[in-house]
Amino acid sequence: MILMVKQTHQQIKRLYRSKSDKVLGGVCAGIANYFEIDPVLVRLIWAIFTLLSMGLGIIAYIIAWIIVPEEP
């Protein structure tokens, strides 16, 4: 018995910094676009994380700003 598998072309999701919906560097908007959620929610979670971690979120944001490429 031969099992035929239909191959489909799936679009690969990539994480990019947003050019259009950015406040500072576009990192939060890019994460929101990747997970298909509201950017305000990601920004709020990031701000809470920054406050609770005594500023570690700022360092993480700067690193993400450097590492994550801007959308084409």
Protein backbone atom coordinates (compact mmCIF):
# COMPACT_ATOMS: atom_id res chain seq x y z
CA MET A 1 0.00 0.00 0.00
CA ILE A 2 1.42 3.37 -1.04
CA LEU A 3 0.54 6.43 0.98
CA MET A 4 0.47 9.64 -1.05
CA VAL A 5 1.26 12.82 0.83
CA LYS A 6 0.16 16.11 -0.65
CA GLN A 7 2.84 18.72 -0.25
CA THR A 8 1.73 22.27 0.24
CA HIS A 9 3.78 25.41 0.13
CA GLN A 10 3.69 26.79 3.62
CA GLN A 11 4.91 30.27 4.30
CA ILE A 12 7.71 30.33 6.86
CA LYS A 13 7.08 32.77 9.70
CA ARG A 14 10.02 35.01 10.50
CA LEU A 15 10.49 37.48 13.30
CA TYR A 16 11.17 41.02 12.09
CA ARG A 17 11.15 44.44 13.71
CA SER A 18 8.18 46.43 12.44
CA LYS A 19 8.75 49.49 10.27
CA SER A 20 5.18 50.74 10.31
CA ASP A 21 3.92 50.13 13.86
CA LYS A 22 6.90 51.03 15.98
CA VAL A 23 7.20 53.24 19.03
CA LEU A 24 10.91 52.92 19.70
CA GLY A 25 12.64 50.19 17.72
CA GLY A 26 9.75 48.06 16.48
CA VAL A 27 10.66 45.02 18.56
CA CYS A 28 7.34 44.69 20.41
CA ALA A 29 5.32 45.27 17.24
CA GLY A 30 7.41 42.66 15.45
CA ILE A 31 6.79 40.14 18.21
CA ALA A 32 3.09 40.95 18.11
CA ASN A 33 3.00 40.47 14.33
CA TYR A 34 4.78 37.14 14.68
CA PHE A 35 2.28 35.82 17.24
CA GLU A 36 -0.65 37.65 15.57
CA ILE A 37 -1.70 39.57 18.69
CA ASP A 38 -2.15 43.24 19.54
CA PRO A 39 1.13 45.18 19.86
CA VAL A 40 -0.23 47.09 22.86
CA LEU A 41 -0.51 43.82 24.76
CA VAL A 42 3.13 42.94 24.04
CA ARG A 43 4.26 46.42 25.06
CA LEU A 44 2.31 46.17 28.31
CA ILE A 45 3.77 42.75 29.12
CA TRP A 46 7.28 44.03 28.29
CA ALA A 47 6.81 47.07 30.56
CA ILE A 48 5.60 44.91 33.44
CA PHE A 49 8.54 42.54 32.93
CA THR A 50 10.92 45.52 32.95
CA LEU A 51 9.50 46.85 36.20
CA LEU A 52 9.46 43.47 37.94
CA SER A 53 12.98 42.55 36.81
CA MET A 54 14.52 45.85 37.92
CA GLY A 55 15.39 47.00 34.42
CA LEU A 56 16.39 43.72 32.80
CA GLY A 57 13.70 44.29 30.15
CA ILE A 58 15.57 47.37 28.91
CA ILE A 59 18.71 45.33 28.32
CA ALA A 60 16.68 42.57 26.64
CA TYR A 61 14.98 45.16 24.40
CA ILE A 62 18.31 46.63 23.31
CA ILE A 63 19.69 43.18 22.54
CA ALA A 64 16.54 42.29 20.57
CA TRP A 65 16.80 45.62 18.73
CA ILE A 66 20.32 44.69 17.62
CA ILE A 67 19.65 41.02 16.81
CA VAL A 68 16.19 41.05 15.18
CA PRO A 69 16.34 42.30 11.58
CA GLU A 70 14.02 45.03 10.30
CA GLU A 71 11.25 43.83 8.03
CA PRO A 72 12.02 44.04 4.33
